[in-house]
């Protein structure tokens, strides 16, 4: 009888140890999973902020082009005042760029004429 009782006790003890191990492994797994989610969220946020600051810096330096129709009263000077930015240098540099882009030999422009105009994203 004693051996049967001790066998039952050993069997119960093994089952308890097994259950405790399963619980411990589950707790450790959940903790590691939670930490990996926390760490990955932190990395993504830092990366996103860095991407946004790089994007802002790049977009402020990128030159874009648009096509405009010359209206009554427009001149290269007035167009330059409307579209130029600090990145363009002087107004004379900008007007020379307008002339080069649009293959203009003089500063004469006409109502209804289309011009390609450079600008920086704001």
PDB file of N, CA and C in Angstrom:
ATOM      1  N   UNK A   1       0.791  -1.189   0.000  1.00  0.00           N
ATOM      2  CA  UNK A   1       0.000   0.000   0.000  1.00  0.00           C
ATOM      3  C   UNK A   1       0.841   1.264   0.000  1.00  0.00           C
ATOM      4  N   UNK A   2       1.893   1.178   0.712  1.00  0.00           N
ATOM      5  CA  UNK A   2       2.727   2.351   0.807  1.00  0.00           C
ATOM      6  C   UNK A   2       3.320   2.719  -0.535  1.00  0.00           C
ATOM      7  N   UNK A   3       3.714   1.756  -1.307  1.00  0.00           N
ATOM      8  CA  UNK A   3       4.305   2.053  -2.605  1.00  0.00           C
ATOM      9  C   UNK A   3       3.266   2.628  -3.560  1.00  0.00           C
ATOM     10  N   UNK A   4       2.032   2.166  -3.443  1.00  0.00           N
ATOM     11  CA  UNK A   4       0.978   2.713  -4.298  1.00  0.00           C
ATOM     12  C   UNK A   4       0.706   4.180  -3.934  1.00  0.00           C
ATOM     13  N   UNK A   5       0.673   4.484  -2.614  1.00  0.00           N
ATOM     14  CA  UNK A   5       0.470   5.863  -2.175  1.00  0.00           C
ATOM     15  C   UNK A   5       1.634   6.755  -2.606  1.00  0.00           C
ATOM     16  N   UNK A   6       2.826   6.262  -2.452  1.00  0.00           N
ATOM     17  CA  UNK A   6       3.986   7.067  -2.853  1.00  0.00           C
ATOM     18  C   UNK A   6       4.023   7.231  -4.371  1.00  0.00           C
ATOM     19  N   UNK A   7       3.584   6.205  -5.088  1.00  0.00           N
ATOM     20  CA  UNK A   7       3.501   6.336  -6.555  1.00  0.00           C
ATOM     21  C   UNK A   7       2.487   7.408  -6.937  1.00  0.00           C
ATOM     22  N   UNK A   8       1.324   7.427  -6.267  1.00  0.00           N
ATOM     23  CA  UNK A   8       0.293   8.444  -6.517  1.00  0.00           C
ATOM     24  C   UNK A   8       0.814   9.830  -6.155  1.00  0.00           C
ATOM     25  N   UNK A   9       1.521   9.937  -5.065  1.00  0.00           N
ATOM     26  CA  UNK A   9       2.077  11.223  -4.624  1.00  0.00           C
ATOM     27  C   UNK A   9       3.124  11.726  -5.619  1.00  0.00           C
ATOM     28  N   UNK A  10       3.964  10.840  -6.084  1.00  0.00           N
ATOM     29  CA  UNK A  10       4.984  11.212  -7.079  1.00  0.00           C
ATOM     30  C   UNK A  10       4.307  11.664  -8.363  1.00  0.00           C
ATOM     31  N   UNK A  11       3.275  10.952  -8.766  1.00  0.00           N
ATOM     32  CA  UNK A  11       2.549  11.294  -9.987  1.00  0.00           C
ATOM     33  C   UNK A  11       1.895  12.673  -9.851  1.00  0.00           C
ATOM     34  N   UNK A  12       1.265  12.961  -8.699  1.00  0.00           N
ATOM     35  CA  UNK A  12       0.654  14.267  -8.448  1.00  0.00           C
ATOM     36  C   UNK A  12       1.716  15.367  -8.441  1.00  0.00           C
ATOM     37  N   UNK A  13       2.829  15.073  -7.804  1.00  0.00           N
ATOM     38  CA  UNK A  13       3.914  16.067  -7.729  1.00  0.00           C
ATOM     39  C   UNK A  13       4.446  16.377  -9.126  1.00  0.00           C
ATOM     40  N   UNK A  14       4.644  15.363  -9.952  1.00  0.00           N
ATOM     41  CA  UNK A  14       5.114  15.576 -11.334  1.00  0.00           C
ATOM     42  C   UNK A  14       4.106  16.418 -12.111  1.00  0.00           C
ATOM     43  N   UNK A  15       2.817  16.158 -11.916  1.00  0.00           N
ATOM     44  CA  UNK A  15       1.782  16.914 -12.608  1.00  0.00           C
ATOM     45  C   UNK A  15       1.807  18.374 -12.158  1.00  0.00           C
ATOM     46  N   UNK A  16       1.979  18.612 -10.858  1.00  0.00           N
ATOM     47  CA  UNK A  16       2.047  19.974 -10.329  1.00  0.00           C
ATOM     48  C   UNK A  16       3.275  20.715 -10.889  1.00  0.00           C
ATOM     49  N   UNK A  17       4.399  20.035 -10.932  1.00  0.00           N
ATOM     50  CA  UNK A  17       5.625  20.642 -11.467  1.00  0.00           C
ATOM     51  C   UNK A  17       5.433  20.961 -12.943  1.00  0.00           C
ATOM     52  N   UNK A  18       4.814  20.043 -13.678  1.00  0.00           N
ATOM     53  CA  UNK A  18       4.557  20.255 -15.096  1.00  0.00           C
ATOM     54  C   UNK A  18       3.654  21.472 -15.303  1.00  0.00           C
ATOM     55  N   UNK A  19       2.581  21.583 -14.534  1.00  0.00           N
ATOM     56  CA  UNK A  19       1.654  22.711 -14.654  1.00  0.00           C
ATOM     57  C   UNK A  19       2.361  24.016 -14.294  1.00  0.00           C
ATOM     58  N   UNK A  20       3.172  24.008 -13.238  1.00  0.00           N
ATOM     59  CA  UNK A  20       3.914  25.209 -12.860  1.00  0.00           C
ATOM     60  C   UNK A  20       4.881  25.640 -13.966  1.00  0.00           C
ATOM     61  N   UNK A  21       5.518  24.665 -14.589  1.00  0.00           N
ATOM     62  CA  UNK A  21       6.431  24.994 -15.707  1.00  0.00           C
ATOM     63  C   UNK A  21       5.664  25.619 -16.872  1.00  0.00           C
ATOM     64  N   UNK A  22       4.526  25.058 -17.205  1.00  0.00           N
ATOM     65  CA  UNK A  22       3.693  25.596 -18.289  1.00  0.00           C
ATOM     66  C   UNK A  22       3.278  27.029 -17.956  1.00  0.00           C
ATOM     67  N   UNK A  23       2.849  27.266 -16.730  1.00  0.00           N
ATOM     68  CA  UNK A  23       2.437  28.613 -16.318  1.00  0.00           C
ATOM     69  C   UNK A  23       3.615  29.569 -16.382  1.00  0.00           C
ATOM     70  N   UNK A  24       4.771  29.138 -15.889  1.00  0.00           N
ATOM     71  CA  UNK A  24       5.964  29.986 -15.911  1.00  0.00           C
ATOM     72  C   UNK A  24       6.369  30.309 -17.350  1.00  0.00           C
ATOM     73  N   UNK A  25       6.383  29.313 -18.224  1.00  0.00           N
ATOM     74  CA  UNK A  25       6.723  29.551 -19.630  1.00  0.00           C
ATOM     75  C   UNK A  25       5.699  30.475 -20.292  1.00  0.00           C
ATOM     76  N   UNK A  26       4.430  30.336 -19.950  1.00  0.00           N
ATOM     77  CA  UNK A  26       3.403  31.215 -20.508  1.00  0.00           C
ATOM     78  C   UNK A  26       3.618  32.652 -20.057  1.00  0.00           C
ATOM     79  N   UNK A  27       3.910  32.841 -18.783  1.00  0.00           N
ATOM     80  CA  UNK A  27       4.147  34.189 -18.260  1.00  0.00           C
ATOM     81  C   UNK A  27       5.368  34.805 -18.933  1.00  0.00           C
ATOM     82  N   UNK A  28       6.436  34.046 -19.073  1.00  0.00           N
ATOM     83  CA  UNK A  28       7.656  34.548 -19.722  1.00  0.00           C
ATOM     84  C   UNK A  28       7.375  34.892 -21.185  1.00  0.00           C
ATOM     85  N   UNK A  29       6.633  34.031 -21.876  1.00  0.00           N
ATOM     86  CA  UNK A  29       6.301  34.287 -23.281  1.00  0.00           C
ATOM     87  C   UNK A  29       5.474  35.551 -23.438  1.00  0.00           C
ATOM     88  N   UNK A  30       4.485  35.715 -22.586  1.00  0.00           N
ATOM     89  CA  UNK A  30       3.644  36.911 -22.653  1.00  0.00           C
ATOM     90  C   UNK A  30       4.471  38.160 -22.352  1.00  0.00           C
ATOM     91  N   UNK A  31       5.360  38.081 -21.375  1.00  0.00           N
ATOM     92  CA  UNK A  31       6.230  39.214 -21.037  1.00  0.00           C
ATOM     93  C   UNK A  31       7.118  39.571 -22.223  1.00  0.00           C
ATOM     94  N   UNK A  32       7.751  38.571 -22.844  1.00  0.00           N
ATOM     95  CA  UNK A  32       8.629  38.834 -23.993  1.00  0.00           C
ATOM     96  C   UNK A  32       7.845  39.386 -25.180  1.00  0.00           C
ATOM     97  N   UNK A  33       6.679  38.862 -25.417  1.00  0.00           N
ATOM     98  CA  UNK A  33       5.840  39.368 -26.500  1.00  0.00           C
ATOM     99  C   UNK A  33       5.453  40.823 -26.240  1.00  0.00           C
ATOM    100  N   UNK A  34       5.067  41.118 -25.011  1.00  0.00           N
ATOM    101  CA  UNK A  34       4.730  42.500 -24.655  1.00  0.00           C
ATOM    102  C   UNK A  34       5.916  43.434 -24.816  1.00  0.00           C
ATOM    103  N   UNK A  35       7.088  42.997 -24.414  1.00  0.00           N
ATOM    104  CA  UNK A  35       8.290  43.828 -24.555  1.00  0.00           C
ATOM    105  C   UNK A  35       8.626  44.049 -26.035  1.00  0.00           C
ATOM    106  N   UNK A  36       8.483  43.016 -26.847  1.00  0.00           N
ATOM    107  CA  UNK A  36       8.807  43.179 -28.269  1.00  0.00           C
ATOM    108  C   UNK A  36       7.837  44.142 -28.942  1.00  0.00           C
ATOM    109  N   UNK A  37       6.565  44.115 -28.558  1.00  0.00           N
ATOM    110  CA  UNK A  37       5.595  45.058 -29.110  1.00  0.00           C
ATOM    111  C   UNK A  37       5.941  46.471 -28.655  1.00  0.00           C
ATOM    112  N   UNK A  38       6.272  46.636 -27.384  1.00  0.00           N
ATOM    113  CA  UNK A  38       6.642  47.956 -26.862  1.00  0.00           C
ATOM    114  C   UNK A  38       7.881  48.485 -27.571  1.00  0.00           C
ATOM    115  N   UNK A  39       8.887  47.649 -27.724  1.00  0.00           N
ATOM    116  CA  UNK A  39      10.129  48.079 -28.373  1.00  0.00           C
ATOM    117  C   UNK A  39       9.893  48.393 -29.842  1.00  0.00           C
ATOM    118  N   UNK A  40       9.128  47.572 -30.531  1.00  0.00           N
ATOM    119  CA  UNK A  40       8.885  47.832 -31.952  1.00  0.00           C
ATOM    120  C   UNK A  40       8.044  49.081 -32.150  1.00  0.00           C
ATOM    121  N   UNK A  41       7.064  49.349 -31.281  1.00  0.00           N
ATOM    122  CA  UNK A  41       6.284  50.582 -31.372  1.00  0.00           C
ATOM    123  C   UNK A  41       7.166  51.791 -31.151  1.00  0.00           C
ATOM    124  N   UNK A  42       8.074  51.710 -30.209  1.00  0.00           N
ATOM    125  CA  UNK A  42       8.976  52.821 -29.937  1.00  0.00           C
ATOM    126  C   UNK A  42       9.874  53.072 -31.139  1.00  0.00           C
ATOM    127  N   UNK A  43      10.387  52.028 -31.743  1.00  0.00           N
ATOM    128  CA  UNK A  43      11.259  52.180 -32.908  1.00  0.00           C
ATOM    129  C   UNK A  43      10.512  52.793 -34.076  1.00  0.00           C
ATOM    130  N   UNK A  44       9.291  52.357 -34.304  1.00  0.00           N
ATOM    131  CA  UNK A  44       8.509  52.879 -35.413  1.00  0.00           C
ATOM    132  C   UNK A  44       8.232  54.360 -35.208  1.00  0.00           C
ATOM    133  N   UNK A  45       7.861  54.761 -33.991  1.00  0.00           N
ATOM    134  CA  UNK A  45       7.594  56.163 -33.719  1.00  0.00           C
ATOM    135  C   UNK A  45       8.835  57.014 -33.944  1.00  0.00           C
ATOM    136  N   UNK A  46       9.981  56.558 -33.462  1.00  0.00           N
ATOM    137  CA  UNK A  46      11.212  57.320 -33.648  1.00  0.00           C
ATOM    138  C   UNK A  46      11.545  57.403 -35.129  1.00  0.00           C
ATOM    139  N   UNK A  47      11.344  56.317 -35.835  1.00  0.00           N
ATOM    140  CA  UNK A  47      11.648  56.296 -37.264  1.00  0.00           C
ATOM    141  C   UNK A  47      10.697  57.228 -38.016  1.00  0.00           C
ATOM    142  N   UNK A  48       9.441  57.221 -37.655  1.00  0.00           N
ATOM    143  CA  UNK A  48       8.460  58.071 -38.314  1.00  0.00           C
ATOM    144  C   UNK A  48       8.782  59.541 -38.101  1.00  0.00           C
ATOM    145  N   UNK A  49       9.149  59.909 -36.876  1.00  0.00           N
ATOM    146  CA  UNK A  49       9.511  61.302 -36.610  1.00  0.00           C
ATOM    147  C   UNK A  49      10.729  61.704 -37.419  1.00  0.00           C
ATOM    148  N   UNK A  50      11.704  60.794 -37.518  1.00  0.00           N
ATOM    149  CA  UNK A  50      12.903  61.094 -38.279  1.00  0.00           C
ATOM    150  C   UNK A  50      12.556  61.235 -39.760  1.00  0.00           C
ATOM    151  N   UNK A  51      11.715  60.339 -40.278  1.00  0.00           N
ATOM    152  CA  UNK A  51      11.304  60.427 -41.683  1.00  0.00           C
ATOM    153  C   UNK A  51      10.592  61.739 -41.962  1.00  0.00           C
ATOM    154  N   UNK A  52       9.731  62.172 -41.049  1.00  0.00           N
ATOM    155  CA  UNK A  52       8.990  63.410 -41.244  1.00  0.00           C
ATOM    156  C   UNK A  52       9.931  64.600 -41.282  1.00  0.00           C
ATOM    157  N   UNK A  53      10.935  64.622 -40.389  1.00  0.00           N
ATOM    158  CA  UNK A  53      11.863  65.758 -40.385  1.00  0.00           C
ATOM    159  C   UNK A  53      12.716  65.751 -41.642  1.00  0.00           C
ATOM    160  N   UNK A  54      13.108  64.571 -42.117  1.00  0.00           N
ATOM    161  CA  UNK A  54      13.878  64.483 -43.365  1.00  0.00           C
ATOM    162  C   UNK A  54      13.008  64.918 -44.532  1.00  0.00           C
ATOM    163  N   UNK A  55      11.749  64.469 -44.541  1.00  0.00           N
ATOM    164  CA  UNK A  55      10.835  64.840 -45.625  1.00  0.00           C
ATOM    165  C   UNK A  55      10.623  66.348 -45.654  1.00  0.00           C
ATOM    166  N   UNK A  56      10.447  66.962 -44.477  1.00  0.00           N
ATOM    167  CA  UNK A  56      10.276  68.411 -44.410  1.00  0.00           C
ATOM    168  C   UNK A  56      11.501  69.133 -44.940  1.00  0.00           C
ATOM    169  N   UNK A  57      12.677  68.634 -44.561  1.00  0.00           N
ATOM    170  CA  UNK A  57      13.915  69.272 -45.010  1.00  0.00           C
ATOM    171  C   UNK A  57      14.079  69.127 -46.518  1.00  0.00           C
ATOM    172  N   UNK A  58      13.814  67.934 -47.043  1.00  0.00           N
ATOM    173  CA  UNK A  58      13.959  67.696 -48.479  1.00  0.00           C
ATOM    174  C   UNK A  58      12.936  68.497 -49.265  1.00  0.00           C
ATOM    175  N   UNK A  59      11.670  68.509 -48.799  1.00  0.00           N
ATOM    176  CA  UNK A  59      10.632  69.228 -49.551  1.00  0.00           C
ATOM    177  C   UNK A  59      10.893  70.725 -49.553  1.00  0.00           C
ATOM    178  N   UNK A  60      11.558  71.244 -48.526  1.00  0.00           N
ATOM    179  CA  UNK A  60      11.853  72.670 -48.516  1.00  0.00           C
ATOM    180  C   UNK A  60      12.991  73.011 -49.475  1.00  0.00           C
ATOM    181  N   UNK A  61      13.745  72.008 -49.914  1.00  0.00           N
ATOM    182  CA  UNK A  61      14.859  72.245 -50.829  1.00  0.00           C
ATOM    183  C   UNK A  61      14.554  71.786 -52.254  1.00  0.00           C
ATOM    184  N   UNK A  62      13.441  71.101 -52.454  1.00  0.00           N
ATOM    185  CA  UNK A  62      13.105  70.566 -53.777  1.00  0.00           C
ATOM    186  C   UNK A  62      12.440  71.643 -54.625  1.00  0.00           C
ATOM    187  N   UNK A  63      12.916  71.732 -55.833  1.00  0.00           N
ATOM    188  CA  UNK A  63      12.335  72.688 -56.769  1.00  0.00           C
ATOM    189  C   UNK A  63      11.259  71.966 -57.564  1.00  0.00           C
ATOM    190  N   UNK A  64      10.103  72.591 -57.666  1.00  0.00           N
ATOM    191  CA  UNK A  64       8.993  72.066 -58.445  1.00  0.00           C
ATOM    192  C   UNK A  64       8.732  73.022 -59.608  1.00  0.00           C
ATOM    193  N   UNK A  65       7.947  72.544 -60.557  1.00  0.00           N
ATOM    194  CA  UNK A  65       7.620  73.361 -61.723  1.00  0.00           C
ATOM    195  C   UNK A  65       6.123  73.303 -61.952  1.00  0.00           C
ATOM    196  N   UNK A  66       5.584  74.438 -62.378  1.00  0.00           N
ATOM    197  CA  UNK A  66       4.176  74.497 -62.737  1.00  0.00           C
ATOM    198  C   UNK A  66       4.054  75.300 -64.025  1.00  0.00           C
ATOM    199  N   UNK A  67       2.951  75.133 -64.679  1.00  0.00           N
ATOM    200  CA  UNK A  67       2.701  75.867 -65.911  1.00  0.00           C
ATOM    201  C   UNK A  67       1.629  76.911 -65.622  1.00  0.00           C
ATOM    202  N   UNK A  68       1.903  78.147 -66.013  1.00  0.00           N
ATOM    203  CA  UNK A  68       0.929  79.214 -65.796  1.00  0.00           C
ATOM    204  C   UNK A  68       0.602  79.879 -67.130  1.00  0.00           C
ATOM    205  N   UNK A  69      -0.568  80.480 -67.183  1.00  0.00           N
ATOM    206  CA  UNK A  69      -0.954  81.258 -68.356  1.00  0.00           C
ATOM    207  C   UNK A  69      -0.728  82.727 -68.016  1.00  0.00           C
ATOM    208  N   UNK A  70      -0.061  83.440 -68.909  1.00  0.00           N
ATOM    209  CA  UNK A  70       0.229  84.857 -68.704  1.00  0.00           C
ATOM    210  C   UNK A  70      -1.080  85.637 -68.797  1.00  0.00           C
ATOM    211  N   UNK A  71      -1.325  86.445 -67.772  1.00  0.00           N
ATOM    212  CA  UNK A  71      -2.530  87.287 -67.722  1.00  0.00           C
ATOM    213  C   UNK A  71      -2.166  88.716 -68.070  1.00  0.00           C
ATOM    214  N   UNK A  72      -3.184  89.508 -68.287  1.00  0.00           N
ATOM    215  CA  UNK A  72      -2.983  90.924 -68.579  1.00  0.00           C
ATOM    216  C   UNK A  72      -2.266  91.585 -67.403  1.00  0.00           C
ATOM    217  N   UNK A  73      -1.240  92.346 -67.677  1.00  0.00           N
ATOM    218  CA  UNK A  73      -0.480  93.035 -66.645  1.00  0.00           C
ATOM    219  C   UNK A  73       0.690  92.244 -66.104  1.00  0.00           C
ATOM    220  N   UNK A  74       0.796  90.956 -66.490  1.00  0.00           N
ATOM    221  CA  UNK A  74       1.926  90.141 -66.024  1.00  0.00           C
ATOM    222  C   UNK A  74       3.206  90.537 -66.731  1.00  0.00           C
ATOM    223  N   UNK A  75       4.292  90.454 -66.009  1.00  0.00           N
ATOM    224  CA  UNK A  75       5.633  90.625 -66.581  1.00  0.00           C
ATOM    225  C   UNK A  75       6.504  89.569 -65.933  1.00  0.00           C
ATOM    226  N   UNK A  76       7.683  89.343 -66.470  1.00  0.00           N
ATOM    227  CA  UNK A  76       8.593  88.386 -65.840  1.00  0.00           C
ATOM    228  C   UNK A  76       8.904  88.821 -64.404  1.00  0.00           C
ATOM    229  N   UNK A  77       8.985  90.129 -64.204  1.00  0.00           N
ATOM    230  CA  UNK A  77       9.261  90.650 -62.867  1.00  0.00           C
ATOM    231  C   UNK A  77       8.126  90.298 -61.897  1.00  0.00           C
ATOM    232  N   UNK A  78       6.874  90.524 -62.293  1.00  0.00           N
ATOM    233  CA  UNK A  78       5.744  90.237 -61.394  1.00  0.00           C
ATOM    234  C   UNK A  78       5.604  88.733 -61.151  1.00  0.00           C
ATOM    235  N   UNK A  79       5.870  87.932 -62.166  1.00  0.00           N
ATOM    236  CA  UNK A  79       5.827  86.467 -62.002  1.00  0.00           C
ATOM    237  C   UNK A  79       6.934  86.036 -61.052  1.00  0.00           C
ATOM    238  N   UNK A  80       8.113  86.629 -61.213  1.00  0.00           N
ATOM    239  CA  UNK A  80       9.231  86.308 -60.320  1.00  0.00           C
ATOM    240  C   UNK A  80       8.885  86.665 -58.878  1.00  0.00           C
ATOM    241  N   UNK A  81       8.287  87.828 -58.674  1.00  0.00           N
ATOM    242  CA  UNK A  81       7.901  88.226 -57.316  1.00  0.00           C
ATOM    243  C   UNK A  81       6.882  87.266 -56.715  1.00  0.00           C
ATOM    244  N   UNK A  82       6.007  86.721 -57.545  1.00  0.00           N
ATOM    245  CA  UNK A  82       4.950  85.828 -57.091  1.00  0.00           C
ATOM    246  C   UNK A  82       5.486  84.439 -56.754  1.00  0.00           C
ATOM    247  N   UNK A  83       6.454  83.928 -57.523  1.00  0.00           N
ATOM    248  CA  UNK A  83       6.862  82.525 -57.383  1.00  0.00           C
ATOM    249  C   UNK A  83       8.243  82.297 -56.782  1.00  0.00           C
ATOM    250  N   UNK A  84       9.107  83.304 -56.777  1.00  0.00           N
ATOM    251  CA  UNK A  84      10.469  83.043 -56.315  1.00  0.00           C
ATOM    252  C   UNK A  84      10.526  82.874 -54.801  1.00  0.00           C
ATOM    253  N   UNK A  85      11.623  82.288 -54.341  1.00  0.00           N
ATOM    254  CA  UNK A  85      11.818  81.959 -52.940  1.00  0.00           C
ATOM    255  C   UNK A  85      13.232  82.381 -52.544  1.00  0.00           C
ATOM    256  N   UNK A  86      13.533  82.284 -51.278  1.00  0.00           N
ATOM    257  CA  UNK A  86      14.883  82.610 -50.803  1.00  0.00           C
ATOM    258  C   UNK A  86      15.947  81.722 -51.450  1.00  0.00           C
ATOM    259  N   UNK A  87      15.558  80.524 -51.877  1.00  0.00           N
ATOM    260  CA  UNK A  87      16.494  79.587 -52.492  1.00  0.00           C
ATOM    261  C   UNK A  87      16.937  80.045 -53.885  1.00  0.00           C
ATOM    262  N   UNK A  88      16.202  80.961 -54.482  1.00  0.00           N
ATOM    263  CA  UNK A  88      16.452  81.340 -55.869  1.00  0.00           C
ATOM    264  C   UNK A  88      17.534  82.391 -56.055  1.00  0.00           C
ATOM    265  N   UNK A  89      17.994  83.007 -55.013  1.00  0.00           N
ATOM    266  CA  UNK A  89      18.981  84.072 -55.166  1.00  0.00           C
ATOM    267  C   UNK A  89      18.274  85.390 -55.442  1.00  0.00           C
ATOM    268  N   UNK A  90      18.803  86.151 -56.370  1.00  0.00           N
ATOM    269  CA  UNK A  90      18.216  87.458 -56.667  1.00  0.00           C
ATOM    270  C   UNK A  90      17.059  87.311 -57.655  1.00  0.00           C
ATOM    271  N   UNK A  91      16.273  88.369 -57.757  1.00  0.00           N
ATOM    272  CA  UNK A  91      15.166  88.372 -58.710  1.00  0.00           C
ATOM    273  C   UNK A  91      15.688  88.313 -60.141  1.00  0.00           C
ATOM    274  N   UNK A  92      16.868  88.869 -60.373  1.00  0.00           N
ATOM    275  CA  UNK A  92      17.469  88.828 -61.709  1.00  0.00           C
ATOM    276  C   UNK A  92      17.869  87.393 -62.077  1.00  0.00           C
ATOM    277  N   UNK A  93      18.388  86.641 -61.106  1.00  0.00           N
ATOM    278  CA  UNK A  93      18.718  85.233 -61.349  1.00  0.00           C
ATOM    279  C   UNK A  93      17.457  84.445 -61.696  1.00  0.00           C
ATOM    280  N   UNK A  94      16.380  84.726 -60.970  1.00  0.00           N
ATOM    281  CA  UNK A  94      15.128  84.017 -61.204  1.00  0.00           C
ATOM    282  C   UNK A  94      14.574  84.342 -62.595  1.00  0.00           C
ATOM    283  N   UNK A  95      14.613  85.601 -62.974  1.00  0.00           N
ATOM    284  CA  UNK A  95      14.121  85.995 -64.301  1.00  0.00           C
ATOM    285  C   UNK A  95      14.961  85.338 -65.388  1.00  0.00           C
ATOM    286  N   UNK A  96      16.270  85.289 -65.212  1.00  0.00           N
ATOM    287  CA  UNK A  96      17.140  84.606 -66.181  1.00  0.00           C
ATOM    288  C   UNK A  96      16.800  83.118 -66.260  1.00  0.00           C
ATOM    289  N   UNK A  97      16.469  82.504 -65.117  1.00  0.00           N
ATOM    290  CA  UNK A  97      16.065  81.100 -65.126  1.00  0.00           C
ATOM    291  C   UNK A  97      14.744  80.931 -65.868  1.00  0.00           C
ATOM    292  N   UNK A  98      13.779  81.835 -65.625  1.00  0.00           N
ATOM    293  CA  UNK A  98      12.508  81.785 -66.356  1.00  0.00           C
ATOM    294  C   UNK A  98      12.737  81.864 -67.857  1.00  0.00           C
ATOM    295  N   UNK A  99      13.614  82.775 -68.263  1.00  0.00           N
ATOM    296  CA  UNK A  99      13.900  82.936 -69.694  1.00  0.00           C
ATOM    297  C   UNK A  99      14.551  81.677 -70.264  1.00  0.00           C
ATOM    298  N   UNK A 100      15.470  81.085 -69.520  1.00  0.00           N
ATOM    299  CA  UNK A 100      16.155  79.877 -69.998  1.00  0.00           C
ATOM    300  C   UNK A 100      15.194  78.690 -70.089  1.00  0.00           C
ATOM    301  N   UNK A 101      14.383  78.498 -69.065  1.00  0.00           N
ATOM    302  CA  UNK A 101      13.437  77.373 -69.047  1.00  0.00           C
ATOM    303  C   UNK A 101      12.441  77.477 -70.193  1.00  0.00           C
ATOM    304  N   UNK A 102      11.976  78.674 -70.462  1.00  0.00           N
ATOM    305  CA  UNK A 102      10.927  78.886 -71.462  1.00  0.00           C
ATOM    306  C   UNK A 102      11.478  79.276 -72.832  1.00  0.00           C
ATOM    307  N   UNK A 103      12.790  79.218 -72.973  1.00  0.00           N
ATOM    308  CA  UNK A 103      13.458  79.513 -74.251  1.00  0.00           C
ATOM    309  C   UNK A 103      13.065  80.900 -74.774  1.00  0.00           C
ATOM    310  N   UNK A 104      13.106  81.877 -73.867  1.00  0.00           N
ATOM    311  CA  UNK A 104      12.779  83.262 -74.240  1.00  0.00           C
ATOM    312  C   UNK A 104      14.072  84.007 -74.566  1.00  0.00           C
ATOM    313  N   UNK A 105      14.074  84.727 -75.663  1.00  0.00           N
ATOM    314  CA  UNK A 105      15.251  85.505 -76.044  1.00  0.00           C
ATOM    315  C   UNK A 105      15.208  86.902 -75.431  1.00  0.00           C
ATOM    316  N   UNK A 106      14.003  87.366 -75.068  1.00  0.00           N
ATOM    317  CA  UNK A 106      13.870  88.682 -74.449  1.00  0.00           C
ATOM    318  C   UNK A 106      12.917  88.559 -73.264  1.00  0.00           C
ATOM    319  N   UNK A 107      12.644  89.664 -72.610  1.00  0.00           N
ATOM    320  CA  UNK A 107      11.728  89.676 -71.466  1.00  0.00           C
ATOM    321  C   UNK A 107      10.289  89.913 -71.883  1.00  0.00           C
ATOM    322  N   UNK A 108      10.027  89.952 -73.178  1.00  0.00           N
ATOM    323  CA  UNK A 108       8.668  90.177 -73.671  1.00  0.00           C
ATOM    324  C   UNK A 108       7.845  88.902 -73.555  1.00  0.00           C
ATOM    325  N   UNK A 109       6.696  89.032 -72.889  1.00  0.00           N
ATOM    326  CA  UNK A 109       5.735  87.925 -72.815  1.00  0.00           C
ATOM    327  C   UNK A 109       4.371  88.473 -73.207  1.00  0.00           C
ATOM    328  N   UNK A 110       3.453  87.583 -73.597  1.00  0.00           N
ATOM    329  CA  UNK A 110       2.160  87.998 -74.136  1.00  0.00           C
ATOM    330  C   UNK A 110       1.018  87.316 -73.393  1.00  0.00           C
ATOM    331  N   UNK A 111      -0.110  88.008 -73.292  1.00  0.00           N
ATOM    332  CA  UNK A 111      -1.311  87.457 -72.663  1.00  0.00           C
ATOM    333  C   UNK A 111      -1.689  86.165 -73.376  1.00  0.00           C
ATOM    334  N   UNK A 112      -1.998  85.123 -72.593  1.00  0.00           N
ATOM    335  CA  UNK A 112      -2.383  83.826 -73.158  1.00  0.00           C
ATOM    336  C   UNK A 112      -1.199  82.885 -73.355  1.00  0.00           C
ATOM    337  N   UNK A 113      -0.003  83.403 -73.257  1.00  0.00           N
ATOM    338  CA  UNK A 113       1.201  82.577 -73.395  1.00  0.00           C
ATOM    339  C   UNK A 113       1.341  81.709 -72.134  1.00  0.00           C
ATOM    340  N   UNK A 114       1.834  80.500 -72.310  1.00  0.00           N
ATOM    341  CA  UNK A 114       2.056  79.604 -71.172  1.00  0.00           C
ATOM    342  C   UNK A 114       3.539  79.586 -70.845  1.00  0.00           C
ATOM    343  N   UNK A 115       3.846  79.667 -69.542  1.00  0.00           N
ATOM    344  CA  UNK A 115       5.220  79.634 -69.076  1.00  0.00           C
ATOM    345  C   UNK A 115       5.381  78.553 -68.036  1.00  0.00           C
ATOM    346  N   UNK A 116       6.527  77.897 -68.068  1.00  0.00           N
ATOM    347  CA  UNK A 116       6.888  76.967 -66.994  1.00  0.00           C
ATOM    348  C   UNK A 116       7.600  77.796 -65.939  1.00  0.00           C
ATOM    349  N   UNK A 117       7.132  77.648 -64.697  1.00  0.00           N
ATOM    350  CA  UNK A 117       7.632  78.477 -63.611  1.00  0.00           C
ATOM    351  C   UNK A 117       8.143  77.573 -62.481  1.00  0.00           C
ATOM    352  N   UNK A 118       9.396  77.768 -62.052  1.00  0.00           N
ATOM    353  CA  UNK A 118       9.919  76.982 -60.922  1.00  0.00           C
ATOM    354  C   UNK A 118       9.494  77.603 -59.595  1.00  0.00           C
ATOM    355  N   UNK A 119       9.326  76.757 -58.598  1.00  0.00           N
ATOM    356  CA  UNK A 119       8.997  77.230 -57.254  1.00  0.00           C
ATOM    357  C   UNK A 119       9.446  76.172 -56.250  1.00  0.00           C
ATOM    358  N   UNK A 120       9.559  76.568 -55.006  1.00  0.00           N
ATOM    359  CA  UNK A 120       9.883  75.649 -53.927  1.00  0.00           C
ATOM    360  C   UNK A 120       8.635  75.391 -53.121  1.00  0.00           C
ATOM    361  N   UNK A 121       8.486  74.137 -52.687  1.00  0.00           N
ATOM    362  CA  UNK A 121       7.329  73.737 -51.893  1.00  0.00           C
ATOM    363  C   UNK A 121       7.369  74.457 -50.546  1.00  0.00           C
ATOM    364  N   UNK A 122       6.242  74.998 -50.122  1.00  0.00           N
ATOM    365  CA  UNK A 122       6.181  75.710 -48.846  1.00  0.00           C
ATOM    366  C   UNK A 122       5.314  74.966 -47.871  1.00  0.00           C
TER     367      UNK A 122
END
